[in-house]
C-alpha atoms as a PDB file:
ATOM      1  CA  MET A   1     -81.287  82.005   6.168  1.00  0.00           C
ATOM      2  CA  SER A   2     -78.788  80.154   8.277  1.00  0.00           C
ATOM      3  CA  PRO A   3     -75.515  81.913   8.588  1.00  0.00           C
ATOM      4  CA  GLN A   4     -72.731  80.416   6.501  1.00  0.00           C
ATOM      5  CA  ARG A   5     -70.221  78.440   8.507  1.00  0.00           C
ATOM      6  CA  PRO A   6     -66.667  79.569   8.203  1.00  0.00           C
ATOM      7  CA  GLY A   7     -64.396  77.099   6.365  1.00  0.00           C
ATOM      8  CA  ASN A   8     -61.957  74.916   8.275  1.00  0.00           C
ATOM      9  CA  THR A   9     -58.838  76.964   7.959  1.00  0.00           C
ATOM     10  CA  PHE A  10     -56.666  74.148   9.358  1.00  0.00           C
ATOM     11  CA  ARG A  11     -57.651  71.811   6.523  1.00  0.00           C
ATOM     12  CA  ASN A  12     -57.002  74.438   3.903  1.00  0.00           C
ATOM     13  CA  MET A  13     -53.563  75.321   5.205  1.00  0.00           C
ATOM     14  CA  PRO A  14     -50.706  73.692   3.277  1.00  0.00           C
ATOM     15  CA  GLN A  15     -49.233  70.835   5.295  1.00  0.00           C
ATOM     16  CA  GLN A  16     -45.572  71.059   6.132  1.00  0.00           C
ATOM     17  CA  PRO A  17     -43.512  67.896   5.500  1.00  0.00           C
ATOM     18  CA  ARG A  18     -42.741  66.001   8.677  1.00  0.00           C
ATOM     19  CA  PRO A  19     -39.089  65.786   9.560  1.00  0.00           C
ATOM     20  CA  LYS A  20     -37.704  62.294   9.048  1.00  0.00           C
ATOM     21  CA  ALA A  21     -36.620  60.446  12.131  1.00  0.00           C
ATOM     22  CA  ALA A  22     -32.879  60.016  12.279  1.00  0.00           C
ATOM     23  CA  ASN A  23     -31.708  56.447  11.855  1.00  0.00           C
ATOM     24  CA  ALA A  24     -30.533  55.205  15.249  1.00  0.00           C
ATOM     25  CA  SER A  25     -27.995  52.867  13.741  1.00  0.00           C
ATOM     26  CA  THR A  26     -26.346  55.631  11.704  1.00  0.00           C
ATOM     27  CA  GLN A  27     -26.154  57.792  14.814  1.00  0.00           C
ATOM     28  CA  GLN A  28     -24.530  55.000  16.803  1.00  0.00           C
ATOM     29  CA  GLU A  29     -21.980  54.024  14.147  1.00  0.00           C
ATOM     30  CA  PRO A  30     -19.606  56.950  14.834  1.00  0.00           C
ATOM     31  CA  LYS A  31     -19.830  56.228  18.565  1.00  0.00           C
ATOM     32  CA  ILE A  32     -19.056  52.527  18.030  1.00  0.00           C
ATOM     33  CA  GLU A  33     -16.134  53.381  15.742  1.00  0.00           C
ATOM     34  CA  ARG A  34     -14.781  55.824  18.311  1.00  0.00           C
ATOM     35  CA  ARG A  35     -15.049  53.182  21.036  1.00  0.00           C
ATOM     36  CA  LEU A  36     -13.312  50.589  18.877  1.00  0.00           C
ATOM     37  CA  GLY A  37     -10.583  53.078  18.060  1.00  0.00           C
ATOM     38  CA  GLN A  38     -10.161  53.887  21.737  1.00  0.00           C
ATOM     39  CA  THR A  39     -10.032  50.162  22.590  1.00  0.00           C
ATOM     40  CA  ARG A  40      -7.395  49.503  19.930  1.00  0.00           C
ATOM     41  CA  ALA A  41      -5.357  52.475  21.036  1.00  0.00           C
ATOM     42  CA  SER A  42      -5.607  51.347  24.652  1.00  0.00           C
ATOM     43  CA  ALA A  43      -4.506  47.795  23.742  1.00  0.00           C
ATOM     44  CA  HIS A  44      -1.624  49.178  21.681  1.00  0.00           C
ATOM     45  CA  ARG A  45      -0.499  51.408  24.568  1.00  0.00           C
ATOM     46  CA  GLU A  46      -0.747  48.495  26.985  1.00  0.00           C
ATOM     47  CA  LYS A  47       1.294  46.269  24.679  1.00  0.00           C
ATOM     48  CA  ALA A  48       3.904  48.993  24.216  1.00  0.00           C
ATOM     49  CA  SER A  49       3.994  49.497  27.969  1.00  0.00           C
ATOM     50  CA  ARG A  50       4.612  45.794  28.555  1.00  0.00           C
ATOM     51  CA  LEU A  51       7.388  45.715  25.967  1.00  0.00           C
ATOM     52  CA  GLY A  52       8.926  48.780  27.532  1.00  0.00           C
ATOM     53  CA  LYS A  53       8.810  47.241  31.006  1.00  0.00           C
ATOM     54  CA  THR A  54      10.339  44.018  29.670  1.00  0.00           C
ATOM     55  CA  ARG A  55      13.167  45.896  27.969  1.00  0.00           C
ATOM     56  CA  ARG A  56      13.844  47.985  31.075  1.00  0.00           C
ATOM     57  CA  PHE A  57      13.861  44.844  33.206  1.00  0.00           C
ATOM     58  CA  ILE A  58      16.318  43.110  30.876  1.00  0.00           C
ATOM     59  CA  ARG A  59      18.596  46.159  30.788  1.00  0.00           C
ATOM     60  CA  GLN A  60      18.815  46.145  34.570  1.00  0.00           C
ATOM     61  CA  TYR A  61      20.565  42.771  34.379  1.00  0.00           C
ATOM     62  CA  PRO A  62      23.456  42.735  31.865  1.00  0.00           C
ATOM     63  CA  MET A  63      23.753  38.930  31.954  1.00  0.00           C
ATOM     64  CA  LEU A  64      20.078  38.541  31.165  1.00  0.00           C
ATOM     65  CA  GLU A  65      20.340  41.025  28.330  1.00  0.00           C
ATOM     66  CA  ARG A  66      23.345  39.169  26.938  1.00  0.00           C
ATOM     67  CA  ALA A  67      21.530  35.830  27.176  1.00  0.00           C
ATOM     68  CA  TYR A  68      18.518  37.346  25.429  1.00  0.00           C
ATOM     69  CA  ARG A  69      20.646  38.589  22.531  1.00  0.00           C
ATOM     70  CA  VAL A  70      22.432  35.239  22.262  1.00  0.00           C
ATOM     71  CA  ALA A  71      19.082  33.415  22.201  1.00  0.00           C
ATOM     72  CA  ILE A  72      17.816  35.650  19.397  1.00  0.00           C
ATOM     73  CA  LYS A  73      20.998  35.084  17.379  1.00  0.00           C
ATOM     74  CA  VAL A  74      20.855  31.323  17.925  1.00  0.00           C
ATOM     75  CA  PHE A  75      17.219  31.240  16.851  1.00  0.00           C
ATOM     76  CA  LEU A  76      17.970  33.199  13.666  1.00  0.00           C
ATOM     77  CA  TRP A  77      20.990  31.025  12.868  1.00  0.00           C
ATOM     78  CA  LEU A  78      18.971  27.839  13.341  1.00  0.00           C
ATOM     79  CA  PHE A  79      16.045  29.131  11.319  1.00  0.00           C
ATOM     80  CA  PHE A  80      18.040  30.361   8.329  1.00  0.00           C
ATOM     81  CA  GLY A  81      20.442  27.411   8.601  1.00  0.00           C
ATOM     82  CA  SER A  82      17.613  24.872   8.478  1.00  0.00           C
ATOM     83  CA  LEU A  83      15.970  26.771   5.637  1.00  0.00           C
ATOM     84  CA  GLY A  84      19.219  26.784   3.661  1.00  0.00           C
ATOM     85  CA  TYR A  85      19.814  23.081   4.347  1.00  0.00           C
ATOM     86  CA  VAL A  86      16.340  22.186   3.106  1.00  0.00           C
ATOM     87  CA  ILE A  87      16.940  24.212  -0.071  1.00  0.00           C
ATOM     88  CA  ILE A  88      20.289  22.462  -0.676  1.00  0.00           C
ATOM     89  CA  LEU A  89      18.768  19.001  -0.232  1.00  0.00           C
ATOM     90  CA  LYS A  90      16.187  19.806  -2.871  1.00  0.00           C
ATOM     91  CA  TYR A  91      18.970  19.336  -5.440  1.00  0.00           C
ATOM     92  CA  VAL A  92      21.662  17.263  -3.700  1.00  0.00           C
ATOM     93  CA  PRO A  93      21.350  13.514  -2.956  1.00  0.00           C
ATOM     94  CA  VAL A  94      20.830  12.691   0.725  1.00  0.00           C
ATOM     95  CA  TRP A  95      23.782  10.441   1.483  1.00  0.00           C
ATOM     96  CA  VAL A  96      23.642  10.300   5.276  1.00  0.00           C
ATOM     97  CA  THR A  97      20.743  10.585   7.701  1.00  0.00           C
ATOM     98  CA  PRO A  98      20.558  10.488  11.512  1.00  0.00           C
ATOM     99  CA  LEU A  99      18.813   7.100  11.245  1.00  0.00           C
ATOM    100  CA  VAL A 100      21.717   5.604   9.278  1.00  0.00           C
ATOM    101  CA  VAL A 101      24.189   6.903  11.860  1.00  0.00           C
ATOM    102  CA  SER A 102      22.056   5.571  14.708  1.00  0.00           C
ATOM    103  CA  ARG A 103      21.795   2.091  13.184  1.00  0.00           C
ATOM    104  CA  TRP A 104      25.541   2.050  12.504  1.00  0.00           C
ATOM    105  CA  VAL A 105      26.345   3.026  16.097  1.00  0.00           C
ATOM    106  CA  ASP A 106      23.981   0.308  17.389  1.00  0.00           C
ATOM    107  CA  THR A 107      26.183  -2.361  15.767  1.00  0.00           C
ATOM    108  CA  PHE A 108      29.126  -1.514  18.015  1.00  0.00           C
ATOM    109  CA  GLY A 109      29.811  -4.360  20.438  1.00  0.00           C
ATOM    110  CA  THR A 110      27.373  -6.723  18.707  1.00  0.00           C
ATOM    111  CA  ASP A 111      27.654  -9.555  16.212  1.00  0.00           C
ATOM    112  CA  GLU A 112      25.798  -7.569  13.571  1.00  0.00           C
ATOM    113  CA  SER A 113      27.636  -6.377  10.492  1.00  0.00           C
ATOM    114  CA  SER A 114      28.400  -2.675  10.487  1.00  0.00           C
ATOM    115  CA  HIS A 115      28.288  -2.484   6.700  1.00  0.00           C
ATOM    116  CA  VAL A 116      25.645  -0.039   5.478  1.00  0.00           C
ATOM    117  CA  TYR A 117      23.835  -0.951   2.264  1.00  0.00           C
ATOM    118  CA  LYS A 118      22.840   2.306   0.623  1.00  0.00           C
ATOM    119  CA  LYS A 119      22.897   3.627  -2.917  1.00  0.00           C
ATOM    120  CA  TRP A 120      21.188   6.713  -4.254  1.00  0.00           C
ATOM    121  CA  ARG A 121      19.003   6.329  -7.325  1.00  0.00           C
ATOM    122  CA  SER A 122      17.130   9.188  -9.008  1.00  0.00           C
ATOM    123  CA  TYR A 123      13.352   9.023  -9.215  1.00  0.00           C
ATOM    124  CA  ASP A 124      13.410   8.663 -13.002  1.00  0.00           C
ATOM    125  CA  ASN A 125      15.545   5.512 -12.640  1.00  0.00           C
ATOM    126  CA  ILE A 126      13.294   3.826 -10.071  1.00  0.00           C
ATOM    127  CA  SER A 127      10.421   1.588 -11.079  1.00  0.00           C
ATOM    128  CA  LYS A 128       7.160   3.460 -10.643  1.00  0.00           C
ATOM    129  CA  GLU A 129       5.690   0.205  -9.335  1.00  0.00           C
ATOM    130  CA  VAL A 130       7.640   0.597  -6.098  1.00  0.00           C
ATOM    131  CA  ALA A 131       6.756   4.293  -5.901  1.00  0.00           C
ATOM    132  CA  LEU A 132       3.094   3.356  -6.229  1.00  0.00           C
ATOM    133  CA  ALA A 133       3.495   0.493  -3.752  1.00  0.00           C
ATOM    134  CA  VAL A 134       4.774   2.692  -0.911  1.00  0.00           C
ATOM    135  CA  VAL A 135       2.024   5.243  -1.577  1.00  0.00           C
ATOM    136  CA  ALA A 136      -0.625   2.505  -1.588  1.00  0.00           C
ATOM    137  CA  SER A 137       0.645   0.985   1.668  1.00  0.00           C
ATOM    138  CA  GLU A 138       1.874   4.014   3.621  1.00  0.00           C
ATOM    139  CA  ASP A 139      -0.023   7.119   2.498  1.00  0.00           C
ATOM    140  CA  GLN A 140      -2.728   6.908  -0.172  1.00  0.00           C
ATOM    141  CA  ALA A 141      -3.607  10.601   0.252  1.00  0.00           C
ATOM    142  CA  PHE A 142       0.003  11.600  -0.517  1.00  0.00           C
ATOM    143  CA  PRO A 143      -0.712  13.230  -3.925  1.00  0.00           C
ATOM    144  CA  THR A 144      -3.382  15.535  -2.459  1.00  0.00           C
ATOM    145  CA  HIS A 145      -2.538  16.414   1.137  1.00  0.00           C
ATOM    146  CA  TRP A 146      -0.199  19.186   2.321  1.00  0.00           C
ATOM    147  CA  GLY A 147       1.989  17.043   4.565  1.00  0.00           C
ATOM    148  CA  PHE A 148      -0.625  15.917   7.076  1.00  0.00           C
ATOM    149  CA  ASP A 149      -3.587  13.571   6.700  1.00  0.00           C
ATOM    150  CA  PHE A 150      -5.940  14.897   9.369  1.00  0.00           C
ATOM    151  CA  ASP A 151      -8.638  12.300   8.652  1.00  0.00           C
ATOM    152  CA  GLU A 152      -6.106   9.522   9.241  1.00  0.00           C
ATOM    153  CA  ILE A 153      -4.891  11.229  12.412  1.00  0.00           C
ATOM    154  CA  GLN A 154      -8.419  11.368  13.812  1.00  0.00           C
ATOM    155  CA  ASP A 155      -9.010   7.697  12.960  1.00  0.00           C
ATOM    156  CA  ALA A 156      -5.734   6.718  14.637  1.00  0.00           C
ATOM    157  CA  ILE A 157      -6.642   8.640  17.796  1.00  0.00           C
ATOM    158  CA  LYS A 158      -9.983   6.833  18.017  1.00  0.00           C
ATOM    159  CA  GLU A 159      -8.419   3.418  17.371  1.00  0.00           C
ATOM    160  CA  ASN A 160      -5.606   3.973  19.856  1.00  0.00           C
ATOM    161  CA  GLU A 161      -8.150   4.391  22.636  1.00  0.00           C
ATOM    162  CA  LYS A 162      -8.865   0.655  22.297  1.00  0.00           C
ATOM    163  CA  ARG A 163      -5.534  -0.700  20.998  1.00  0.00           C
ATOM    164  CA  GLU A 164      -2.685  -1.857  23.218  1.00  0.00           C
ATOM    165  CA  ARG A 165      -0.091  -0.937  20.594  1.00  0.00           C
ATOM    166  CA  PRO A 166      -0.729   2.573  19.242  1.00  0.00           C
ATOM    167  CA  ARG A 167      -1.121   2.977  15.495  1.00  0.00           C
ATOM    168  CA  GLY A 168       0.745   5.789  13.831  1.00  0.00           C
ATOM    169  CA  ALA A 169      -0.672   8.151  11.235  1.00  0.00           C
ATOM    170  CA  SER A 170       2.482   9.696   9.811  1.00  0.00           C
ATOM    171  CA  THR A 171       2.435  10.607   6.148  1.00  0.00           C
ATOM    172  CA  ILE A 172       5.325   9.972   3.772  1.00  0.00           C
ATOM    173  CA  SER A 173       6.243  13.660   4.113  1.00  0.00           C
ATOM    174  CA  GLN A 174       6.416  13.364   7.903  1.00  0.00           C
ATOM    175  CA  GLN A 175       8.535  10.227   7.679  1.00  0.00           C
ATOM    176  CA  VAL A 176      10.969  11.970   5.343  1.00  0.00           C
ATOM    177  CA  ALA A 177      11.204  14.982   7.670  1.00  0.00           C
ATOM    178  CA  LYS A 178      11.827  12.657  10.616  1.00  0.00           C
ATOM    179  CA  ASN A 179      14.427  10.441   8.897  1.00  0.00           C
ATOM    180  CA  VAL A 180      16.400  13.170   7.126  1.00  0.00           C
ATOM    181  CA  PHE A 181      16.507  15.967   9.700  1.00  0.00           C
ATOM    182  CA  LEU A 182      15.778  14.581  13.178  1.00  0.00           C
ATOM    183  CA  TRP A 183      17.091  12.135  15.728  1.00  0.00           C
ATOM    184  CA  THR A 184      15.407   8.894  16.731  1.00  0.00           C
ATOM    185  CA  GLY A 185      13.170   8.833  19.779  1.00  0.00           C
ATOM    186  CA  ARG A 186       9.921  10.386  20.965  1.00  0.00           C
ATOM    187  CA  SER A 187       9.419  13.816  22.509  1.00  0.00           C
ATOM    188  CA  TYR A 188       7.216  16.869  22.063  1.00  0.00           C
ATOM    189  CA  ILE A 189      10.210  18.912  20.873  1.00  0.00           C
ATOM    190  CA  ARG A 190      10.996  16.361  18.186  1.00  0.00           C
ATOM    191  CA  LYS A 191       7.349  16.215  17.131  1.00  0.00           C
ATOM    192  CA  GLY A 192       7.217  19.986  16.862  1.00  0.00           C
ATOM    193  CA  LEU A 193      10.351  20.023  14.708  1.00  0.00           C
ATOM    194  CA  GLU A 194       8.860  17.259  12.580  1.00  0.00           C
ATOM    195  CA  VAL A 195       5.873  19.489  11.854  1.00  0.00           C
ATOM    196  CA  TYR A 196       8.216  22.391  11.029  1.00  0.00           C
ATOM    197  CA  PHE A 197      10.354  20.385   8.581  1.00  0.00           C
ATOM    198  CA  THR A 198       7.286  18.727   7.037  1.00  0.00           C
ATOM    199  CA  VAL A 199       5.876  22.136   6.168  1.00  0.00           C
ATOM    200  CA  LEU A 200       9.243  23.250   4.747  1.00  0.00           C
ATOM    201  CA  ILE A 201       9.747  20.274   2.452  1.00  0.00           C
ATOM    202  CA  GLU A 202       6.146  20.419   1.247  1.00  0.00           C
ATOM    203  CA  LEU A 203       6.641  24.074   0.298  1.00  0.00           C
ATOM    204  CA  ILE A 204      10.191  23.841  -1.066  1.00  0.00           C
ATOM    205  CA  TRP A 205      10.687  20.300  -2.367  1.00  0.00           C
ATOM    206  CA  GLY A 206       7.334  19.295  -3.778  1.00  0.00           C
ATOM    207  CA  LYS A 207       5.773  15.834  -3.939  1.00  0.00           C
ATOM    208  CA  LYS A 208       8.080  14.245  -6.483  1.00  0.00           C
ATOM    209  CA  ARG A 209      11.237  15.173  -4.580  1.00  0.00           C
ATOM    210  CA  ILE A 210       9.736  14.051  -1.264  1.00  0.00           C
ATOM    211  CA  LEU A 211       8.880  10.640  -2.719  1.00  0.00           C
ATOM    212  CA  GLU A 212      12.308  10.390  -4.343  1.00  0.00           C
ATOM    213  CA  VAL A 213      14.047  11.034  -1.025  1.00  0.00           C
ATOM    214  CA  TYR A 214      11.751   8.601   0.782  1.00  0.00           C
ATOM    215  CA  LEU A 215      12.574   5.823  -1.686  1.00  0.00           C
ATOM    216  CA  ASN A 216      16.280   6.453  -1.086  1.00  0.00           C
ATOM    217  CA  VAL A 217      16.432   6.840   2.714  1.00  0.00           C
ATOM    218  CA  ALA A 218      13.699   4.567   4.090  1.00  0.00           C
ATOM    219  CA  GLU A 219      14.947   1.579   6.067  1.00  0.00           C
ATOM    220  CA  MET A 220      14.023  -1.587   4.148  1.00  0.00           C
ATOM    221  CA  GLY A 221      16.038  -4.230   5.961  1.00  0.00           C
ATOM    222  CA  PRO A 222      18.904  -4.688   8.431  1.00  0.00           C
ATOM    223  CA  MET A 223      21.421  -1.927   7.612  1.00  0.00           C
ATOM    224  CA  THR A 224      19.669  -1.524   4.256  1.00  0.00           C
ATOM    225  CA  PHE A 225      18.442   1.925   3.245  1.00  0.00           C
ATOM    226  CA  GLY A 226      16.731   2.855   0.033  1.00  0.00           C
ATOM    227  CA  VAL A 227      14.979   0.852  -2.646  1.00  0.00           C
ATOM    228  CA  GLU A 228      18.065   0.494  -4.839  1.00  0.00           C
ATOM    229  CA  ALA A 229      20.079  -1.146  -2.051  1.00  0.00           C
ATOM    230  CA  ALA A 230      17.150  -3.392  -1.106  1.00  0.00           C
ATOM    231  CA  SER A 231      16.522  -4.420  -4.712  1.00  0.00           C
ATOM    232  CA  GLN A 232      20.149  -5.326  -5.367  1.00  0.00           C
ATOM    233  CA  ARG A 233      20.559  -7.096  -2.023  1.00  0.00           C
ATOM    234  CA  TYR A 234      17.348  -9.141  -2.035  1.00  0.00           C
ATOM    235  CA  TYR A 235      16.401  -9.417  -5.740  1.00  0.00           C
ATOM    236  CA  ASN A 236      19.832  -9.168  -7.390  1.00  0.00           C
ATOM    237  CA  HIS A 237      18.787  -6.504  -9.877  1.00  0.00           C
ATOM    238  CA  SER A 238      18.288  -2.745 -10.069  1.00  0.00           C
ATOM    239  CA  ALA A 239      15.270  -0.929  -8.668  1.00  0.00           C
ATOM    240  CA  GLU A 240      14.541   0.240 -12.201  1.00  0.00           C
ATOM    241  CA  THR A 241      13.214  -3.218 -13.138  1.00  0.00           C
ATOM    242  CA  LEU A 242      11.197  -4.081 -10.023  1.00  0.00           C
ATOM    243  CA  SER A 243       7.962  -5.916 -10.746  1.00  0.00           C
ATOM    244  CA  ARG A 244       4.650  -5.162  -9.039  1.00  0.00           C
ATOM    245  CA  ASN A 245       4.911  -8.160  -6.711  1.00  0.00           C
ATOM    246  CA  GLU A 246       8.516  -7.341  -5.776  1.00  0.00           C
ATOM    247  CA  ALA A 247       7.594  -3.722  -5.132  1.00  0.00           C
ATOM    248  CA  ALA A 248       4.602  -4.717  -3.009  1.00  0.00           C
ATOM    249  CA  ARG A 249       6.778  -7.004  -0.872  1.00  0.00           C
ATOM    250  CA  ILE A 250       9.270  -4.196  -0.247  1.00  0.00           C
ATOM    251  CA  ALA A 251       6.399  -1.955   0.834  1.00  0.00           C
ATOM    252  CA  ALA A 252       4.977  -4.749   3.002  1.00  0.00           C
ATOM    253  CA  VAL A 253       7.994  -4.787   5.344  1.00  0.00           C
ATOM    254  CA  LEU A 254       8.184  -1.004   5.828  1.00  0.00           C
ATOM    255  CA  PRO A 255       6.280  -0.877   9.142  1.00  0.00           C
ATOM    256  CA  ASN A 256       9.091  -2.884  10.776  1.00  0.00           C
ATOM    257  CA  PRO A 257      11.944  -3.692   8.351  1.00  0.00           C
ATOM    258  CA  ARG A 258      14.170  -5.038  11.142  1.00  0.00           C
ATOM    259  CA  GLN A 259      11.617  -7.674  12.098  1.00  0.00           C
ATOM    260  CA  PHE A 260      10.086  -8.547   8.710  1.00  0.00           C
ATOM    261  CA  SER A 261      12.132  -9.947   5.836  1.00  0.00           C
ATOM    262  CA  ILE A 262      11.948  -9.345   2.103  1.00  0.00           C
ATOM    263  CA  SER A 263      14.025 -12.412   1.197  1.00  0.00           C
ATOM    264  CA  ASN A 264      12.274 -14.752   3.638  1.00  0.00           C
ATOM    265  CA  PRO A 265       8.709 -13.410   3.946  1.00  0.00           C
ATOM    266  CA  SER A 266       6.403 -14.756   6.628  1.00  0.00           C
ATOM    267  CA  SER A 267       2.786 -15.697   5.956  1.00  0.00           C
ATOM    268  CA  TYR A 268       1.816 -12.236   7.275  1.00  0.00           C
ATOM    269  CA  ILE A 269       4.147 -10.476   4.810  1.00  0.00           C
ATOM    270  CA  GLN A 270       2.879 -12.636   1.932  1.00  0.00           C
ATOM    271  CA  ARG A 271      -0.721 -11.761   2.811  1.00  0.00           C
ATOM    272  CA  ARG A 272       0.145  -8.097   3.178  1.00  0.00           C
ATOM    273  CA  THR A 273       1.967  -8.184  -0.172  1.00  0.00           C
ATOM    274  CA  ARG A 274      -1.195  -9.403  -1.903  1.00  0.00           C
ATOM    275  CA  GLN A 275      -3.255  -6.715  -0.176  1.00  0.00           C
ATOM    276  CA  ILE A 276      -0.882  -3.958  -1.315  1.00  0.00           C
ATOM    277  CA  ALA A 277      -0.907  -5.292  -4.898  1.00  0.00           C
ATOM    278  CA  ARG A 278      -4.718  -5.140  -4.871  1.00  0.00           C
ATOM    279  CA  GLN A 279      -4.637  -1.577  -3.544  1.00  0.00           C
ATOM    280  CA  MET A 280      -2.246  -0.617  -6.347  1.00  0.00           C
ATOM    281  CA  ARG A 281      -4.788  -1.865  -8.886  1.00  0.00           C
ATOM    282  CA  TYR A 282      -7.686  -0.122  -7.114  1.00  0.00           C
ATOM    283  CA  LEU A 283      -5.810   3.182  -7.245  1.00  0.00           C
ATOM    284  CA  GLY A 284      -5.565   2.882 -11.019  1.00  0.00           C
ATOM    285  CA  GLY A 285      -1.941   1.832 -11.364  1.00  0.00           C
ATOM    286  CA  GLN A 286       0.979   4.111 -12.102  1.00  0.00           C
ATOM    287  CA  LYS A 287      -1.214   6.946 -13.387  1.00  0.00           C
ATOM    288  CA  TYR A 288      -2.179   7.619  -9.748  1.00  0.00           C
ATOM    289  CA  ILE A 289       1.278   9.133  -9.137  1.00  0.00           C
ATOM    290  CA  ARG A 290       1.987  10.349 -12.666  1.00  0.00           C
ATOM    291  CA  ASN A 291       1.319  14.051 -11.966  1.00  0.00           C
ATOM    292  CA  LEU A 292       3.241  14.521  -8.721  1.00  0.00           C
END
């Protein structure tokens, strides 16, 4: 008889569970968090160090420190003053604007009449045909944008690369901010302030008030400001009863009211009037601005 082979003791032994490998990502997470915390702390200390150096530098020069404090006070006064003025004009009629003053001053020493035609009329007492006409001709995205039409700005930039006379892309909100709060002329400072006031009136006034102010301060003829003054001067009746064609002609001269005439329209103004009237119909009529 062959001797019996001993059993494989290694196979019969109970197998111990293998230890699970530690997840590398979970091990690295605390290290990454510590590094990020150290980086943030280092950046904070560096920023605090810079501020401390700046303060110590300013304190070494009393005149510089005084100028710094005056600049901060002036900035705060201008900011809260402009904010308060915008809030006041949300409820008070805008009687005088820098543009009106500028046009009045320009008449000095000339043969032009210095009489200013201007009369405030509330939005409810203005024909919605003229409100629709200026939206159709100047800023069709007015009911939906937040003060700036970026698509129109991009199109204007592309067109101006080929045009001799640059085309503007200002919205009605930007024109109101420019006419009511700022001086005439072109500069980066003025453009920056225009952006600032556009944002303020969009947030504080709302669309209906912006359009109301625009219809009362926009230049619509020589020394003529606002739709009520233009309607009485050129049509001999109130802006409350303006027809679609009359409203479209007023809107047609807005790009250059000192060159184009409402009472004596050129062939260009007559053609533009018809185009604006068609756009008013395409937009759906007065319901387009009903929910401002």
